[in-house]
């Protein structure tokens, strides 16, 4: 299993899925939930790893509820 440090600085939905150990549908629902900032680039969705890690650690303030 990859360590968080081994992932690129810009994550995609597949990376989120692998990190959290969740299904594809759940990963897309999470990214679409506005719990953390994600950017759509064409058909791809990109998330800065730092933003994701802050959300995961609960450092995002009032948007940190799962």
C-alpha atoms as a PDB file:
ATOM      1  CA  UNK A   1       0.000   0.000   0.000  1.00  0.00           C
ATOM      2  CA  UNK A   2       1.276   3.452  -0.944  1.00  0.00           C
ATOM      3  CA  UNK A   3       2.100   5.984   1.736  1.00  0.00           C
ATOM      4  CA  UNK A   4       0.455   9.396   1.493  1.00  0.00           C
ATOM      5  CA  UNK A   5       3.862  10.935   0.774  1.00  0.00           C
ATOM      6  CA  UNK A   6       4.170   8.738  -2.334  1.00  0.00           C
ATOM      7  CA  UNK A   7       1.156  10.341  -4.034  1.00  0.00           C
ATOM      8  CA  UNK A   8       1.623  13.355  -6.340  1.00  0.00           C
ATOM      9  CA  UNK A   9       0.966  16.914  -5.136  1.00  0.00           C
ATOM     10  CA  UNK A  10      -2.210  16.989  -7.252  1.00  0.00           C
ATOM     11  CA  UNK A  11      -4.545  14.061  -6.656  1.00  0.00           C
ATOM     12  CA  UNK A  12      -7.314  12.676  -8.834  1.00  0.00           C
ATOM     13  CA  UNK A  13     -10.438  10.757  -7.827  1.00  0.00           C
ATOM     14  CA  UNK A  14      -8.665   7.420  -8.229  1.00  0.00           C
ATOM     15  CA  UNK A  15      -6.013   8.558  -5.727  1.00  0.00           C
ATOM     16  CA  UNK A  16      -8.728   9.574  -3.229  1.00  0.00           C
ATOM     17  CA  UNK A  17     -10.355   6.185  -3.719  1.00  0.00           C
ATOM     18  CA  UNK A  18      -7.089   4.359  -3.002  1.00  0.00           C
ATOM     19  CA  UNK A  19      -6.113   6.506  -0.021  1.00  0.00           C
ATOM     20  CA  UNK A  20      -9.464   6.068   1.717  1.00  0.00           C
ATOM     21  CA  UNK A  21     -10.098   2.503   0.577  1.00  0.00           C
ATOM     22  CA  UNK A  22     -13.536   3.365  -0.774  1.00  0.00           C
ATOM     23  CA  UNK A  23     -15.382   2.551  -3.971  1.00  0.00           C
ATOM     24  CA  UNK A  24     -15.384   4.623  -7.131  1.00  0.00           C
ATOM     25  CA  UNK A  25     -18.931   5.907  -6.621  1.00  0.00           C
ATOM     26  CA  UNK A  26     -18.188   6.908  -3.027  1.00  0.00           C
ATOM     27  CA  UNK A  27     -15.022   8.726  -4.109  1.00  0.00           C
ATOM     28  CA  UNK A  28     -16.938  10.746  -6.722  1.00  0.00           C
ATOM     29  CA  UNK A  29     -19.684  11.524  -4.193  1.00  0.00           C
ATOM     30  CA  UNK A  30     -17.091  12.740  -1.682  1.00  0.00           C
ATOM     31  CA  UNK A  31     -15.323  14.937  -4.222  1.00  0.00           C
ATOM     32  CA  UNK A  32     -18.685  16.373  -5.327  1.00  0.00           C
ATOM     33  CA  UNK A  33     -19.794  17.023  -1.736  1.00  0.00           C
ATOM     34  CA  UNK A  34     -17.819  20.295  -1.409  1.00  0.00           C
ATOM     35  CA  UNK A  35     -16.157  19.020   1.782  1.00  0.00           C
ATOM     36  CA  UNK A  36     -12.861  20.203   0.277  1.00  0.00           C
ATOM     37  CA  UNK A  37     -11.881  22.221  -2.788  1.00  0.00           C
ATOM     38  CA  UNK A  38     -11.697  20.271  -6.046  1.00  0.00           C
ATOM     39  CA  UNK A  39     -11.197  21.616  -9.567  1.00  0.00           C
ATOM     40  CA  UNK A  40     -12.610  20.186 -12.761  1.00  0.00           C
ATOM     41  CA  UNK A  41     -10.121  20.271 -15.651  1.00  0.00           C
ATOM     42  CA  UNK A  42     -11.910  19.020 -18.735  1.00  0.00           C
ATOM     43  CA  UNK A  43     -13.272  15.638 -17.701  1.00  0.00           C
ATOM     44  CA  UNK A  44     -10.777  15.248 -14.846  1.00  0.00           C
ATOM     45  CA  UNK A  45     -11.181  16.292 -11.226  1.00  0.00           C
ATOM     46  CA  UNK A  46      -8.050  17.486  -9.418  1.00  0.00           C
ATOM     47  CA  UNK A  47      -7.489  18.019  -5.692  1.00  0.00           C
ATOM     48  CA  UNK A  48      -4.372  19.497  -4.104  1.00  0.00           C
ATOM     49  CA  UNK A  49      -2.917  16.893  -1.768  1.00  0.00           C
ATOM     50  CA  UNK A  50      -2.418  19.505   0.961  1.00  0.00           C
ATOM     51  CA  UNK A  51      -6.095  20.469   0.839  1.00  0.00           C
ATOM     52  CA  UNK A  52      -7.139  16.819   1.017  1.00  0.00           C
ATOM     53  CA  UNK A  53      -4.776  16.081   3.913  1.00  0.00           C
ATOM     54  CA  UNK A  54      -6.088  19.126   5.820  1.00  0.00           C
ATOM     55  CA  UNK A  55      -9.657  17.869   5.345  1.00  0.00           C
ATOM     56  CA  UNK A  56      -8.688  14.326   6.324  1.00  0.00           C
ATOM     57  CA  UNK A  57      -6.978  15.526   9.495  1.00  0.00           C
ATOM     58  CA  UNK A  58      -9.928  17.756  10.432  1.00  0.00           C
ATOM     59  CA  UNK A  59      -8.059  21.008   9.875  1.00  0.00           C
ATOM     60  CA  UNK A  60     -10.620  22.524   7.492  1.00  0.00           C
ATOM     61  CA  UNK A  61     -12.888  24.188  10.027  1.00  0.00           C
ATOM     62  CA  UNK A  62     -16.633  23.720   9.680  1.00  0.00           C
ATOM     63  CA  UNK A  63     -16.467  21.690   6.436  1.00  0.00           C
ATOM     64  CA  UNK A  64     -14.733  18.760   8.096  1.00  0.00           C
ATOM     65  CA  UNK A  65     -17.843  16.720   8.898  1.00  0.00           C
ATOM     66  CA  UNK A  66     -18.081  13.460   6.997  1.00  0.00           C
END
